[in-house]
Amino acid sequence: MKKLRITPLNITSALLLTWLLWQIVIDKISTGTIGWIFLLLLVLVVADQFFRLMLRRLKRVWIAEGFFVVLVALAIWILKVW
């Protein structure tokens, strides 16, 4: 059995999924938004696997994935404001 490595993308995916489930429970989210969030989750999982294959050392993965999360959050914020 492989060791489970917790990375920034794993944490982000877990928080996003938790937020999505909470929004479904309190019925404040539309069906179209759910699809976009699942697409974002898929991108996060693929990016996590890509970073794990490209960068084998855990410290580098944390730095690269942390930068990726900040970059994506900044891009989403810019697109939302624009």
N, C-alpha and C. Protein backbone atom coordinates (compact mmCIF):
# COMPACT_ATOMS: atom_id res chain seq x y z
N MET A 1 0.83 -1.17 0.00
CA MET A 1 0.00 0.00 0.00
C MET A 1 0.88 1.24 0.00
N LYS A 2 0.54 2.19 -0.87
CA LYS A 2 1.33 3.42 -0.97
C LYS A 2 1.00 4.36 0.18
N LYS A 3 2.00 5.18 0.50
CA LYS A 3 1.81 6.21 1.52
C LYS A 3 0.95 7.32 0.97
N LEU A 4 0.01 7.77 1.76
CA LEU A 4 -0.85 8.87 1.37
C LEU A 4 -0.12 10.17 1.64
N ARG A 5 0.05 10.97 0.60
CA ARG A 5 0.70 12.27 0.75
C ARG A 5 -0.35 13.36 0.66
N ILE A 6 -0.36 14.19 1.66
CA ILE A 6 -1.29 15.31 1.67
C ILE A 6 -0.59 16.50 1.05
N THR A 7 -1.23 17.07 0.03
CA THR A 7 -0.65 18.19 -0.70
C THR A 7 -1.66 19.34 -0.76
N PRO A 8 -1.21 20.52 -1.16
CA PRO A 8 -2.15 21.65 -1.26
C PRO A 8 -3.33 21.37 -2.20
N LEU A 9 -3.11 20.64 -3.29
CA LEU A 9 -4.21 20.33 -4.19
C LEU A 9 -5.20 19.36 -3.56
N ASN A 10 -4.72 18.44 -2.74
CA ASN A 10 -5.62 17.54 -2.03
C ASN A 10 -6.47 18.33 -1.02
N ILE A 11 -5.84 19.24 -0.31
CA ILE A 11 -6.56 20.06 0.67
C ILE A 11 -7.59 20.93 -0.04
N THR A 12 -7.19 21.54 -1.16
CA THR A 12 -8.11 22.39 -1.92
C THR A 12 -9.29 21.58 -2.44
N SER A 13 -9.02 20.39 -2.95
CA SER A 13 -10.10 19.52 -3.45
C SER A 13 -11.07 19.15 -2.34
N ALA A 14 -10.53 18.82 -1.18
CA ALA A 14 -11.38 18.44 -0.05
C ALA A 14 -12.25 19.62 0.41
N LEU A 15 -11.65 20.80 0.49
CA LEU A 15 -12.42 21.98 0.89
C LEU A 15 -13.49 22.33 -0.14
N LEU A 16 -13.15 22.23 -1.42
CA LEU A 16 -14.12 22.52 -2.48
C LEU A 16 -15.28 21.53 -2.47
N LEU A 17 -14.97 20.25 -2.28
CA LEU A 17 -16.01 19.24 -2.23
C LEU A 17 -16.90 19.42 -0.99
N THR A 18 -16.29 19.77 0.14
CA THR A 18 -17.07 20.02 1.35
C THR A 18 -17.99 21.22 1.16
N TRP A 19 -17.48 22.29 0.57
CA TRP A 19 -18.31 23.47 0.30
C TRP A 19 -19.45 23.12 -0.64
N LEU A 20 -19.15 22.33 -1.69
CA LEU A 20 -20.19 21.93 -2.65
C LEU A 20 -21.30 21.14 -1.96
N LEU A 21 -20.92 20.17 -1.15
CA LEU A 21 -21.92 19.37 -0.45
C LEU A 21 -22.75 20.23 0.51
N TRP A 22 -22.11 21.17 1.19
CA TRP A 22 -22.84 22.06 2.09
C TRP A 22 -23.84 22.92 1.31
N GLN A 23 -23.44 23.42 0.16
CA GLN A 23 -24.34 24.24 -0.64
C GLN A 23 -25.52 23.41 -1.17
N ILE A 24 -25.29 22.15 -1.48
CA ILE A 24 -26.37 21.27 -1.92
C ILE A 24 -27.34 21.02 -0.77
N VAL A 25 -26.80 20.81 0.43
CA VAL A 25 -27.65 20.54 1.60
C VAL A 25 -28.54 21.73 1.91
N ILE A 26 -28.00 22.94 1.87
CA ILE A 26 -28.82 24.11 2.19
C ILE A 26 -29.53 24.66 0.95
N ASP A 27 -29.40 23.97 -0.17
CA ASP A 27 -30.13 24.27 -1.41
C ASP A 27 -29.90 25.70 -1.92
N LYS A 28 -28.64 26.10 -2.00
CA LYS A 28 -28.30 27.44 -2.49
C LYS A 28 -27.44 27.40 -3.74
N ILE A 29 -27.44 26.29 -4.48
CA ILE A 29 -26.56 26.17 -5.62
C ILE A 29 -27.35 25.65 -6.82
N SER A 30 -27.03 26.15 -7.99
CA SER A 30 -27.74 25.72 -9.20
C SER A 30 -27.04 24.52 -9.83
N THR A 31 -27.74 23.83 -10.70
CA THR A 31 -27.21 22.63 -11.35
C THR A 31 -26.01 22.96 -12.24
N GLY A 32 -26.05 24.09 -12.93
CA GLY A 32 -24.93 24.47 -13.79
C GLY A 32 -23.66 24.71 -13.00
N THR A 33 -23.80 25.30 -11.84
CA THR A 33 -22.65 25.56 -10.99
C THR A 33 -22.04 24.25 -10.49
N ILE A 34 -22.86 23.28 -10.20
CA ILE A 34 -22.36 21.97 -9.75
C ILE A 34 -21.47 21.35 -10.82
N GLY A 35 -21.89 21.45 -12.07
CA GLY A 35 -21.08 20.92 -13.17
C GLY A 35 -19.73 21.59 -13.28
N TRP A 36 -19.70 22.92 -13.13
CA TRP A 36 -18.43 23.65 -13.20
C TRP A 36 -17.52 23.28 -12.04
N ILE A 37 -18.10 23.06 -10.88
CA ILE A 37 -17.29 22.70 -9.71
C ILE A 37 -16.71 21.30 -9.88
N PHE A 38 -17.50 20.37 -10.42
CA PHE A 38 -16.96 19.03 -10.69
C PHE A 38 -15.85 19.08 -11.73
N LEU A 39 -15.98 19.95 -12.72
CA LEU A 39 -14.92 20.13 -13.71
C LEU A 39 -13.65 20.67 -13.04
N LEU A 40 -13.80 21.63 -12.15
CA LEU A 40 -12.66 22.15 -11.41
C LEU A 40 -12.02 21.07 -10.55
N LEU A 41 -12.83 20.23 -9.92
CA LEU A 41 -12.29 19.12 -9.13
C LEU A 41 -11.50 18.16 -9.99
N LEU A 42 -12.00 17.88 -11.20
CA LEU A 42 -11.28 17.00 -12.12
C LEU A 42 -9.94 17.61 -12.51
N VAL A 43 -9.92 18.90 -12.78
CA VAL A 43 -8.66 19.58 -13.12
C VAL A 43 -7.69 19.52 -11.95
N LEU A 44 -8.18 19.70 -10.73
CA LEU A 44 -7.32 19.63 -9.55
C LEU A 44 -6.72 18.24 -9.37
N VAL A 45 -7.50 17.21 -9.60
CA VAL A 45 -7.00 15.83 -9.45
C VAL A 45 -5.95 15.53 -10.52
N VAL A 46 -6.22 15.93 -11.76
CA VAL A 46 -5.26 15.71 -12.85
C VAL A 46 -3.97 16.50 -12.59
N ALA A 47 -4.10 17.75 -12.14
CA ALA A 47 -2.92 18.55 -11.84
C ALA A 47 -2.12 17.94 -10.70
N ASP A 48 -2.80 17.40 -9.69
CA ASP A 48 -2.11 16.75 -8.58
C ASP A 48 -1.29 15.57 -9.07
N GLN A 49 -1.87 14.74 -9.90
CA GLN A 49 -1.14 13.59 -10.43
C GLN A 49 0.03 14.04 -11.32
N PHE A 50 -0.18 15.09 -12.11
CA PHE A 50 0.89 15.62 -12.95
C PHE A 50 2.06 16.10 -12.10
N PHE A 51 1.77 16.87 -11.05
CA PHE A 51 2.84 17.36 -10.18
C PHE A 51 3.55 16.22 -9.47
N ARG A 52 2.81 15.20 -9.06
CA ARG A 52 3.45 14.06 -8.38
C ARG A 52 4.38 13.29 -9.30
N LEU A 53 4.02 13.18 -10.57
CA LEU A 53 4.88 12.48 -11.51
C LEU A 53 6.09 13.32 -11.91
N MET A 54 5.89 14.61 -12.06
CA MET A 54 6.98 15.48 -12.51
C MET A 54 7.96 15.82 -11.38
N LEU A 55 7.46 15.98 -10.18
CA LEU A 55 8.29 16.36 -9.04
C LEU A 55 8.18 15.28 -7.97
N ARG A 56 9.20 14.50 -7.83
CA ARG A 56 9.15 13.36 -6.91
C ARG A 56 9.31 13.74 -5.44
N ARG A 57 10.06 14.79 -5.15
CA ARG A 57 10.31 15.17 -3.75
C ARG A 57 9.12 15.92 -3.17
N LEU A 58 8.74 15.57 -1.97
CA LEU A 58 7.55 16.14 -1.35
C LEU A 58 7.64 17.66 -1.17
N LYS A 59 8.82 18.17 -0.80
CA LYS A 59 8.95 19.60 -0.56
C LYS A 59 8.71 20.39 -1.85
N ARG A 60 9.24 19.93 -2.93
CA ARG A 60 9.02 20.60 -4.21
C ARG A 60 7.55 20.55 -4.63
N VAL A 61 6.92 19.42 -4.37
CA VAL A 61 5.50 19.29 -4.72
C VAL A 61 4.68 20.31 -3.95
N TRP A 62 4.98 20.49 -2.68
CA TRP A 62 4.24 21.46 -1.88
C TRP A 62 4.41 22.88 -2.42
N ILE A 63 5.63 23.23 -2.79
CA ILE A 63 5.89 24.58 -3.32
C ILE A 63 5.18 24.76 -4.66
N ALA A 64 5.34 23.81 -5.57
CA ALA A 64 4.74 23.92 -6.90
C ALA A 64 3.21 23.92 -6.82
N GLU A 65 2.64 23.02 -6.03
CA GLU A 65 1.19 22.95 -5.92
C GLU A 65 0.63 24.16 -5.19
N GLY A 66 1.32 24.66 -4.20
CA GLY A 66 0.87 25.87 -3.52
C GLY A 66 0.85 27.06 -4.46
N PHE A 67 1.88 27.18 -5.27
CA PHE A 67 1.93 28.25 -6.27
C PHE A 67 0.80 28.08 -7.29
N PHE A 68 0.54 26.85 -7.70
CA PHE A 68 -0.53 26.56 -8.66
C PHE A 68 -1.89 26.95 -8.09
N VAL A 69 -2.14 26.62 -6.83
CA VAL A 69 -3.42 26.96 -6.19
C VAL A 69 -3.59 28.47 -6.12
N VAL A 70 -2.54 29.19 -5.74
CA VAL A 70 -2.61 30.65 -5.67
C VAL A 70 -2.85 31.24 -7.06
N LEU A 71 -2.16 30.71 -8.06
CA LEU A 71 -2.31 31.20 -9.44
C LEU A 71 -3.74 30.98 -9.95
N VAL A 72 -4.30 29.81 -9.70
CA VAL A 72 -5.66 29.51 -10.14
C VAL A 72 -6.67 30.40 -9.40
N ALA A 73 -6.49 30.58 -8.10
CA ALA A 73 -7.39 31.44 -7.34
C ALA A 73 -7.32 32.88 -7.85
N LEU A 74 -6.14 33.34 -8.16
CA LEU A 74 -5.97 34.69 -8.69
C LEU A 74 -6.63 34.82 -10.07
N ALA A 75 -6.48 33.80 -10.92
CA ALA A 75 -7.10 33.82 -12.25
C ALA A 75 -8.62 33.82 -12.14
N ILE A 76 -9.17 33.03 -11.24
CA ILE A 76 -10.63 32.99 -11.05
C ILE A 76 -11.11 34.34 -10.54
N TRP A 77 -10.39 34.94 -9.62
CA TRP A 77 -10.77 36.26 -9.09
C TRP A 77 -10.74 37.32 -10.18
N ILE A 78 -9.70 37.30 -11.01
CA ILE A 78 -9.59 38.28 -12.10
C ILE A 78 -10.74 38.09 -13.09
N LEU A 79 -11.04 36.85 -13.46
CA LEU A 79 -12.14 36.59 -14.38
C LEU A 79 -13.49 37.01 -13.80
N LYS A 80 -13.66 36.81 -12.52
CA LYS A 80 -14.93 37.19 -11.87
C LYS A 80 -15.10 38.70 -11.82
N VAL A 81 -14.01 39.42 -11.56
CA VAL A 81 -14.05 40.88 -11.50
C VAL A 81 -14.21 41.48 -12.88
N TRP A 82 -13.56 40.87 -13.86
CA TRP A 82 -13.58 41.37 -15.23
C TRP A 82 -14.93 41.14 -15.81
